[in-house]
């Protein structure tokens, strides 16, 4: 028990503190923490600047990819094509007349056939669109049986 008391005393400053002194120190530390947290929350530019830096980095990388490619395959999740669609990518490709965009609806086997057909009709107004499914565990599409 004395060893435990000695370790606790070492952790809180190496001196014996009574309960009121510990409460006062804890309150002081909590106030310091709250002040630091309020400073971080009070600076909305901190989060916004981090988001803007990420977006700028993404757009720089996108520009490199578009410049290096002749055809860009934009892979969309068939369950939510518009949620995975990047307008920034489409705009970057459309600015280059020599670049082509092909949309690929991945996981086509996870949506009803009617829904898939509707998405294909809708997306083909924007760009050539293919439905794709990779349903085997090896990652290769299943071969079609020969007639």
N, C-alpha and C. Protein backbone atom coordinates (compact mmCIF):
# COMPACT_ATOMS: atom_id res chain seq x y z
N UNK A 1 0.83 -1.19 0.00
CA UNK A 1 0.00 0.00 0.00
C UNK A 1 0.86 1.25 0.00
N UNK A 2 1.99 1.20 0.72
CA UNK A 2 2.88 2.36 0.75
C UNK A 2 3.53 2.59 -0.61
N UNK A 3 3.82 1.51 -1.34
CA UNK A 3 4.42 1.63 -2.66
C UNK A 3 3.44 2.31 -3.62
N UNK A 4 2.17 1.94 -3.51
CA UNK A 4 1.15 2.55 -4.36
C UNK A 4 1.02 4.04 -4.03
N UNK A 5 1.03 4.37 -2.78
CA UNK A 5 0.94 5.77 -2.37
C UNK A 5 2.15 6.56 -2.86
N UNK A 6 3.32 5.94 -2.83
CA UNK A 6 4.53 6.62 -3.30
C UNK A 6 4.47 6.87 -4.80
N UNK A 7 3.96 5.87 -5.56
CA UNK A 7 3.84 6.06 -7.02
C UNK A 7 2.83 7.15 -7.34
N UNK A 8 1.71 7.17 -6.66
CA UNK A 8 0.71 8.21 -6.88
C UNK A 8 1.26 9.58 -6.54
N UNK A 9 2.02 9.68 -5.46
CA UNK A 9 2.62 10.95 -5.06
C UNK A 9 3.61 11.42 -6.11
N UNK A 10 4.38 10.49 -6.69
CA UNK A 10 5.35 10.85 -7.72
C UNK A 10 4.64 11.35 -8.97
N UNK A 11 3.50 10.77 -9.30
CA UNK A 11 2.77 11.16 -10.50
C UNK A 11 2.16 12.55 -10.36
N UNK A 12 1.82 12.96 -9.16
CA UNK A 12 1.15 14.25 -9.01
C UNK A 12 2.07 15.33 -8.47
N UNK A 13 3.33 15.18 -8.69
CA UNK A 13 4.23 16.25 -8.34
C UNK A 13 5.24 15.89 -7.29
N UNK A 14 5.27 14.67 -6.83
CA UNK A 14 6.29 14.24 -5.90
C UNK A 14 6.05 14.68 -4.47
N UNK A 15 4.92 15.24 -4.17
CA UNK A 15 4.66 15.69 -2.81
C UNK A 15 3.31 15.16 -2.37
N UNK A 16 3.15 15.05 -1.11
CA UNK A 16 1.87 14.60 -0.59
C UNK A 16 0.87 15.74 -0.72
N UNK A 17 -0.26 15.46 -1.37
CA UNK A 17 -1.29 16.48 -1.55
C UNK A 17 -2.54 16.01 -0.84
N UNK A 18 -3.22 16.94 -0.22
CA UNK A 18 -4.49 16.56 0.37
C UNK A 18 -5.57 16.64 -0.70
N UNK A 19 -6.74 16.21 -0.38
CA UNK A 19 -7.82 16.13 -1.35
C UNK A 19 -8.16 17.49 -1.93
N UNK A 20 -8.20 18.53 -1.14
CA UNK A 20 -8.55 19.85 -1.65
C UNK A 20 -7.50 20.38 -2.63
N UNK A 21 -6.21 20.06 -2.38
CA UNK A 21 -5.15 20.48 -3.30
C UNK A 21 -5.28 19.74 -4.63
N UNK A 22 -5.62 18.44 -4.57
CA UNK A 22 -5.80 17.67 -5.80
C UNK A 22 -6.97 18.21 -6.61
N UNK A 23 -8.06 18.55 -5.95
CA UNK A 23 -9.23 19.09 -6.63
C UNK A 23 -8.88 20.42 -7.29
N UNK A 24 -8.13 21.26 -6.58
CA UNK A 24 -7.74 22.56 -7.13
C UNK A 24 -6.86 22.38 -8.36
N UNK A 25 -5.89 21.44 -8.28
CA UNK A 25 -5.01 21.20 -9.43
C UNK A 25 -5.79 20.64 -10.62
N UNK A 26 -6.72 19.72 -10.34
CA UNK A 26 -7.54 19.15 -11.41
C UNK A 26 -8.39 20.23 -12.07
N UNK A 27 -8.94 21.13 -11.28
CA UNK A 27 -9.76 22.21 -11.83
C UNK A 27 -8.90 23.14 -12.70
N UNK A 28 -7.69 23.40 -12.27
CA UNK A 28 -6.77 24.26 -13.03
C UNK A 28 -6.41 23.61 -14.37
N UNK A 29 -6.11 22.31 -14.32
CA UNK A 29 -5.78 21.60 -15.56
C UNK A 29 -6.99 21.56 -16.51
N UNK A 30 -8.17 21.35 -15.97
CA UNK A 30 -9.38 21.32 -16.79
C UNK A 30 -9.61 22.67 -17.45
N UNK A 31 -9.38 23.74 -16.70
CA UNK A 31 -9.56 25.08 -17.27
C UNK A 31 -8.56 25.35 -18.39
N UNK A 32 -7.31 24.93 -18.19
CA UNK A 32 -6.29 25.08 -19.23
C UNK A 32 -6.68 24.31 -20.48
N UNK A 33 -7.16 23.08 -20.27
CA UNK A 33 -7.60 22.26 -21.40
C UNK A 33 -8.77 22.91 -22.12
N UNK A 34 -9.77 23.38 -21.36
CA UNK A 34 -10.94 24.02 -21.96
C UNK A 34 -10.56 25.25 -22.76
N UNK A 35 -9.60 26.04 -22.25
CA UNK A 35 -9.14 27.23 -22.97
C UNK A 35 -8.49 26.85 -24.30
N UNK A 36 -7.65 25.82 -24.26
CA UNK A 36 -6.99 25.37 -25.49
C UNK A 36 -8.00 24.83 -26.49
N UNK A 37 -8.99 24.08 -26.00
CA UNK A 37 -10.02 23.53 -26.86
C UNK A 37 -10.88 24.64 -27.48
N UNK A 38 -11.19 25.66 -26.68
CA UNK A 38 -11.98 26.79 -27.18
C UNK A 38 -11.21 27.55 -28.25
N UNK A 39 -9.90 27.70 -28.08
CA UNK A 39 -9.09 28.37 -29.09
C UNK A 39 -9.13 27.60 -30.41
N UNK A 40 -9.05 26.28 -30.33
CA UNK A 40 -9.09 25.46 -31.54
C UNK A 40 -10.46 25.53 -32.20
N UNK A 41 -11.53 25.49 -31.39
CA UNK A 41 -12.88 25.56 -31.95
C UNK A 41 -13.20 26.95 -32.46
N UNK A 42 -12.63 27.96 -31.85
CA UNK A 42 -12.91 29.33 -32.24
C UNK A 42 -12.22 29.73 -33.52
N UNK A 43 -11.43 28.85 -34.10
CA UNK A 43 -10.73 29.15 -35.33
C UNK A 43 -11.27 28.27 -36.44
N UNK A 44 -12.41 28.67 -37.06
CA UNK A 44 -12.97 27.84 -38.12
C UNK A 44 -12.07 27.78 -39.34
N UNK A 45 -11.18 28.74 -39.49
CA UNK A 45 -10.27 28.75 -40.64
C UNK A 45 -9.31 27.57 -40.59
N UNK A 46 -9.05 27.04 -39.38
CA UNK A 46 -8.15 25.91 -39.26
C UNK A 46 -8.70 24.71 -40.01
N UNK A 47 -9.95 24.33 -39.76
CA UNK A 47 -10.56 23.21 -40.46
C UNK A 47 -10.75 23.52 -41.94
N UNK A 48 -11.17 24.73 -42.25
CA UNK A 48 -11.42 25.10 -43.64
C UNK A 48 -10.13 25.07 -44.44
N UNK A 49 -9.03 25.54 -43.84
CA UNK A 49 -7.77 25.56 -44.59
C UNK A 49 -7.26 24.15 -44.83
N UNK A 50 -7.47 23.24 -43.86
CA UNK A 50 -7.08 21.85 -44.07
C UNK A 50 -7.90 21.23 -45.20
N UNK A 51 -9.19 21.52 -45.24
CA UNK A 51 -10.04 21.01 -46.32
C UNK A 51 -9.65 21.57 -47.66
N UNK A 52 -9.31 22.85 -47.69
CA UNK A 52 -8.90 23.47 -48.95
C UNK A 52 -7.57 22.90 -49.42
N UNK A 53 -6.65 22.62 -48.50
CA UNK A 53 -5.37 22.03 -48.88
C UNK A 53 -5.58 20.64 -49.47
N UNK A 54 -6.46 19.86 -48.87
CA UNK A 54 -6.74 18.51 -49.40
C UNK A 54 -7.35 18.61 -50.79
N UNK A 55 -8.28 19.54 -50.96
CA UNK A 55 -8.93 19.70 -52.27
C UNK A 55 -7.91 20.14 -53.32
N UNK A 56 -7.05 21.08 -52.96
CA UNK A 56 -6.02 21.53 -53.92
C UNK A 56 -5.08 20.39 -54.28
N UNK A 57 -4.69 19.59 -53.30
CA UNK A 57 -3.82 18.45 -53.57
C UNK A 57 -4.51 17.45 -54.49
N UNK A 58 -5.80 17.19 -54.23
CA UNK A 58 -6.58 16.28 -55.07
C UNK A 58 -6.64 16.80 -56.51
N UNK A 59 -6.92 18.09 -56.67
CA UNK A 59 -7.04 18.66 -58.01
C UNK A 59 -5.70 18.65 -58.74
N UNK A 60 -4.59 18.85 -58.01
CA UNK A 60 -3.26 18.77 -58.63
C UNK A 60 -3.02 17.37 -59.17
N UNK A 61 -3.32 16.35 -58.35
CA UNK A 61 -3.14 14.97 -58.78
C UNK A 61 -4.06 14.62 -59.94
N UNK A 62 -5.29 15.10 -59.88
CA UNK A 62 -6.24 14.86 -60.97
C UNK A 62 -5.72 15.45 -62.27
N UNK A 63 -5.16 16.64 -62.20
CA UNK A 63 -4.63 17.29 -63.40
C UNK A 63 -3.48 16.47 -63.99
N UNK A 64 -2.61 15.93 -63.12
CA UNK A 64 -1.51 15.09 -63.60
C UNK A 64 -2.04 13.85 -64.32
N UNK A 65 -3.05 13.21 -63.73
CA UNK A 65 -3.61 11.99 -64.32
C UNK A 65 -4.25 12.30 -65.67
N UNK A 66 -5.02 13.38 -65.73
CA UNK A 66 -5.70 13.74 -66.98
C UNK A 66 -4.67 14.08 -68.06
N UNK A 67 -3.62 14.78 -67.70
CA UNK A 67 -2.59 15.13 -68.69
C UNK A 67 -1.86 13.89 -69.21
N UNK A 68 -1.68 12.88 -68.37
CA UNK A 68 -0.95 11.69 -68.77
C UNK A 68 -1.80 10.68 -69.53
N UNK A 69 -3.12 10.76 -69.42
CA UNK A 69 -4.00 9.73 -69.99
C UNK A 69 -4.66 10.20 -71.28
N UNK A 70 -5.00 9.23 -72.13
CA UNK A 70 -5.81 9.51 -73.31
C UNK A 70 -7.28 9.24 -72.99
N UNK A 71 -7.51 8.18 -72.21
CA UNK A 71 -8.86 7.79 -71.81
C UNK A 71 -8.86 7.65 -70.29
N UNK A 72 -9.87 8.22 -69.66
CA UNK A 72 -10.01 8.11 -68.21
C UNK A 72 -11.26 7.28 -67.91
N UNK A 73 -11.07 6.20 -67.15
CA UNK A 73 -12.19 5.38 -66.70
C UNK A 73 -12.61 5.89 -65.33
N UNK A 74 -13.80 6.42 -65.26
CA UNK A 74 -14.32 6.92 -63.98
C UNK A 74 -15.22 5.84 -63.41
N UNK A 75 -14.75 5.17 -62.36
CA UNK A 75 -15.47 4.04 -61.78
C UNK A 75 -16.48 4.57 -60.77
N UNK A 76 -17.74 4.21 -60.99
CA UNK A 76 -18.83 4.63 -60.12
C UNK A 76 -19.44 3.41 -59.45
N UNK A 77 -19.92 3.59 -58.24
CA UNK A 77 -20.61 2.51 -57.53
C UNK A 77 -22.03 2.43 -58.08
N UNK A 78 -22.42 1.29 -58.60
CA UNK A 78 -23.75 1.14 -59.21
C UNK A 78 -24.87 1.36 -58.20
N UNK A 79 -24.59 1.18 -56.91
CA UNK A 79 -25.62 1.38 -55.89
C UNK A 79 -25.91 2.86 -55.66
N UNK A 80 -24.93 3.74 -55.97
CA UNK A 80 -25.10 5.19 -55.80
C UNK A 80 -24.18 5.91 -56.78
N UNK A 81 -24.53 5.89 -58.08
CA UNK A 81 -23.63 6.48 -59.08
C UNK A 81 -23.38 7.97 -58.88
N UNK A 82 -24.40 8.72 -58.54
CA UNK A 82 -24.19 10.16 -58.39
C UNK A 82 -23.38 10.48 -57.14
N UNK A 83 -23.46 9.64 -56.13
CA UNK A 83 -22.67 9.86 -54.91
C UNK A 83 -21.20 9.62 -55.13
N UNK A 84 -20.84 8.80 -56.10
CA UNK A 84 -19.44 8.53 -56.39
C UNK A 84 -18.95 9.24 -57.64
N UNK A 85 -19.80 10.08 -58.22
CA UNK A 85 -19.45 10.81 -59.44
C UNK A 85 -18.72 12.10 -59.07
N UNK A 86 -17.63 12.38 -59.75
CA UNK A 86 -16.86 13.60 -59.48
C UNK A 86 -17.04 14.57 -60.65
N UNK A 87 -17.73 15.67 -60.36
CA UNK A 87 -17.92 16.71 -61.38
C UNK A 87 -16.58 17.34 -61.72
N UNK A 88 -15.69 17.46 -60.72
CA UNK A 88 -14.36 18.04 -60.97
C UNK A 88 -13.60 17.22 -62.00
N UNK A 89 -13.71 15.90 -61.91
CA UNK A 89 -13.03 15.04 -62.88
C UNK A 89 -13.64 15.23 -64.27
N UNK A 90 -14.96 15.24 -64.34
CA UNK A 90 -15.62 15.41 -65.63
C UNK A 90 -15.21 16.74 -66.26
N UNK A 91 -15.21 17.81 -65.47
CA UNK A 91 -14.82 19.13 -65.98
C UNK A 91 -13.37 19.14 -66.46
N UNK A 92 -12.48 18.51 -65.70
CA UNK A 92 -11.06 18.48 -66.06
C UNK A 92 -10.87 17.75 -67.40
N UNK A 93 -11.63 16.70 -67.62
CA UNK A 93 -11.50 15.93 -68.87
C UNK A 93 -12.14 16.68 -70.03
N UNK A 94 -13.28 17.29 -69.79
CA UNK A 94 -13.99 18.02 -70.86
C UNK A 94 -13.18 19.22 -71.37
N UNK A 95 -12.32 19.77 -70.53
CA UNK A 95 -11.49 20.91 -70.96
C UNK A 95 -10.46 20.51 -72.01
N UNK A 96 -10.17 19.22 -72.12
CA UNK A 96 -9.21 18.71 -73.10
C UNK A 96 -9.98 17.98 -74.19
N UNK A 97 -9.98 18.55 -75.38
CA UNK A 97 -10.74 17.95 -76.48
C UNK A 97 -10.18 16.58 -76.88
N UNK A 98 -8.90 16.34 -76.63
CA UNK A 98 -8.28 15.08 -77.03
C UNK A 98 -8.43 13.97 -75.98
N UNK A 99 -9.03 14.26 -74.86
CA UNK A 99 -9.21 13.27 -73.79
C UNK A 99 -10.62 12.70 -73.83
N UNK A 100 -10.75 11.44 -73.48
CA UNK A 100 -12.05 10.78 -73.48
C UNK A 100 -12.37 10.26 -72.08
N UNK A 101 -13.65 10.33 -71.74
CA UNK A 101 -14.14 9.85 -70.46
C UNK A 101 -15.06 8.67 -70.69
N UNK A 102 -14.83 7.59 -69.95
CA UNK A 102 -15.71 6.42 -69.98
C UNK A 102 -16.14 6.16 -68.54
N UNK A 103 -17.44 6.07 -68.34
CA UNK A 103 -17.98 5.77 -67.01
C UNK A 103 -18.15 4.27 -66.86
N UNK A 104 -17.76 3.74 -65.71
CA UNK A 104 -17.88 2.31 -65.43
C UNK A 104 -18.72 2.16 -64.17
N UNK A 105 -19.87 1.51 -64.30
CA UNK A 105 -20.72 1.22 -63.14
C UNK A 105 -20.26 -0.10 -62.54
N UNK A 106 -19.54 -0.02 -61.44
CA UNK A 106 -19.02 -1.20 -60.77
C UNK A 106 -20.08 -1.77 -59.82
N UNK A 107 -19.98 -3.04 -59.52
CA UNK A 107 -20.92 -3.74 -58.63
C UNK A 107 -22.33 -3.79 -59.24
N UNK A 108 -22.37 -3.94 -60.55
CA UNK A 108 -23.65 -3.95 -61.26
C UNK A 108 -24.54 -5.10 -60.83
N UNK A 109 -23.95 -6.15 -60.28
CA UNK A 109 -24.75 -7.30 -59.85
C UNK A 109 -25.48 -7.05 -58.53
N UNK A 110 -25.21 -5.93 -57.87
CA UNK A 110 -25.82 -5.65 -56.58
C UNK A 110 -27.07 -4.78 -56.67
N UNK A 111 -27.45 -4.38 -57.88
CA UNK A 111 -28.67 -3.58 -58.05
C UNK A 111 -29.62 -4.31 -58.98
N UNK A 112 -30.92 -4.08 -58.84
CA UNK A 112 -31.88 -4.72 -59.76
C UNK A 112 -31.60 -4.31 -61.21
N UNK A 113 -31.89 -5.23 -62.10
CA UNK A 113 -31.60 -5.02 -63.52
C UNK A 113 -32.28 -3.76 -64.06
N UNK A 114 -33.55 -3.51 -63.65
CA UNK A 114 -34.27 -2.33 -64.15
C UNK A 114 -33.59 -1.05 -63.70
N UNK A 115 -33.12 -1.03 -62.47
CA UNK A 115 -32.44 0.15 -61.93
C UNK A 115 -31.12 0.37 -62.67
N UNK A 116 -30.40 -0.71 -62.90
CA UNK A 116 -29.13 -0.62 -63.64
C UNK A 116 -29.37 -0.07 -65.04
N UNK A 117 -30.39 -0.57 -65.74
CA UNK A 117 -30.69 -0.10 -67.08
C UNK A 117 -31.04 1.40 -67.07
N UNK A 118 -31.80 1.82 -66.07
CA UNK A 118 -32.16 3.25 -65.96
C UNK A 118 -30.92 4.11 -65.76
N UNK A 119 -30.01 3.66 -64.89
CA UNK A 119 -28.77 4.42 -64.67
C UNK A 119 -27.92 4.46 -65.94
N UNK A 120 -27.86 3.34 -66.65
CA UNK A 120 -27.08 3.32 -67.89
C UNK A 120 -27.65 4.32 -68.90
N UNK A 121 -28.97 4.35 -69.05
CA UNK A 121 -29.59 5.32 -69.97
C UNK A 121 -29.27 6.75 -69.54
N UNK A 122 -29.39 7.01 -68.26
CA UNK A 122 -29.15 8.36 -67.74
C UNK A 122 -27.68 8.78 -67.93
N UNK A 123 -26.75 7.91 -67.56
CA UNK A 123 -25.33 8.27 -67.62
C UNK A 123 -24.79 8.29 -69.04
N UNK A 124 -25.40 7.53 -69.93
CA UNK A 124 -24.93 7.53 -71.32
C UNK A 124 -25.22 8.85 -72.03
N UNK A 125 -26.06 9.68 -71.45
CA UNK A 125 -26.26 11.04 -71.99
C UNK A 125 -25.02 11.89 -71.74
N UNK A 126 -24.26 11.55 -70.70
CA UNK A 126 -23.05 12.31 -70.35
C UNK A 126 -21.82 11.77 -71.06
N UNK A 127 -21.68 10.43 -71.05
CA UNK A 127 -20.47 9.80 -71.58
C UNK A 127 -20.76 8.32 -71.82
N UNK A 128 -19.93 7.67 -72.63
CA UNK A 128 -20.09 6.22 -72.79
C UNK A 128 -20.02 5.55 -71.41
N UNK A 129 -20.93 4.61 -71.17
CA UNK A 129 -21.04 3.99 -69.84
C UNK A 129 -21.14 2.48 -69.96
N UNK A 130 -20.41 1.77 -69.13
CA UNK A 130 -20.41 0.32 -69.10
C UNK A 130 -20.81 -0.16 -67.72
N UNK A 131 -21.50 -1.29 -67.68
CA UNK A 131 -21.81 -1.94 -66.41
C UNK A 131 -20.78 -3.05 -66.20
N UNK A 132 -20.29 -3.19 -64.96
CA UNK A 132 -19.25 -4.16 -64.67
C UNK A 132 -19.53 -4.82 -63.34
N UNK A 133 -19.22 -6.12 -63.28
CA UNK A 133 -19.31 -6.82 -62.01
C UNK A 133 -18.10 -7.72 -61.87
N UNK A 134 -17.54 -7.69 -60.70
CA UNK A 134 -16.42 -8.57 -60.38
C UNK A 134 -16.87 -9.38 -59.18
N UNK A 135 -17.58 -10.47 -59.43
CA UNK A 135 -18.25 -11.17 -58.35
C UNK A 135 -17.51 -12.39 -57.83
N UNK A 136 -16.34 -12.70 -58.37
CA UNK A 136 -15.62 -13.84 -57.82
C UNK A 136 -14.61 -13.34 -56.80
N UNK A 137 -14.23 -14.22 -55.89
CA UNK A 137 -13.29 -13.82 -54.84
C UNK A 137 -11.89 -13.58 -55.39
N UNK A 138 -11.59 -14.09 -56.57
CA UNK A 138 -10.28 -13.87 -57.16
C UNK A 138 -10.18 -12.51 -57.83
N UNK A 139 -11.30 -11.80 -57.98
CA UNK A 139 -11.27 -10.48 -58.57
C UNK A 139 -11.42 -10.48 -60.08
N UNK A 140 -11.57 -11.64 -60.69
CA UNK A 140 -11.75 -11.71 -62.14
C UNK A 140 -13.22 -12.01 -62.42
N UNK A 141 -13.75 -11.42 -63.50
CA UNK A 141 -15.15 -11.71 -63.81
C UNK A 141 -15.34 -13.18 -64.16
N UNK A 142 -16.50 -13.70 -63.84
CA UNK A 142 -16.79 -15.09 -64.17
C UNK A 142 -16.94 -15.23 -65.68
N UNK A 143 -16.32 -16.25 -66.24
CA UNK A 143 -16.48 -16.45 -67.69
C UNK A 143 -17.89 -16.91 -68.01
N UNK A 144 -18.38 -16.47 -69.16
CA UNK A 144 -19.71 -16.90 -69.62
C UNK A 144 -19.61 -18.31 -70.17
N UNK A 145 -20.59 -19.14 -69.88
CA UNK A 145 -20.54 -20.49 -70.45
C UNK A 145 -20.73 -20.43 -71.96
N UNK A 146 -20.02 -21.29 -72.64
CA UNK A 146 -20.13 -21.31 -74.10
C UNK A 146 -21.37 -22.06 -74.51
N UNK A 147 -22.06 -21.60 -75.58
CA UNK A 147 -23.30 -22.26 -76.03
C UNK A 147 -23.06 -23.63 -76.61
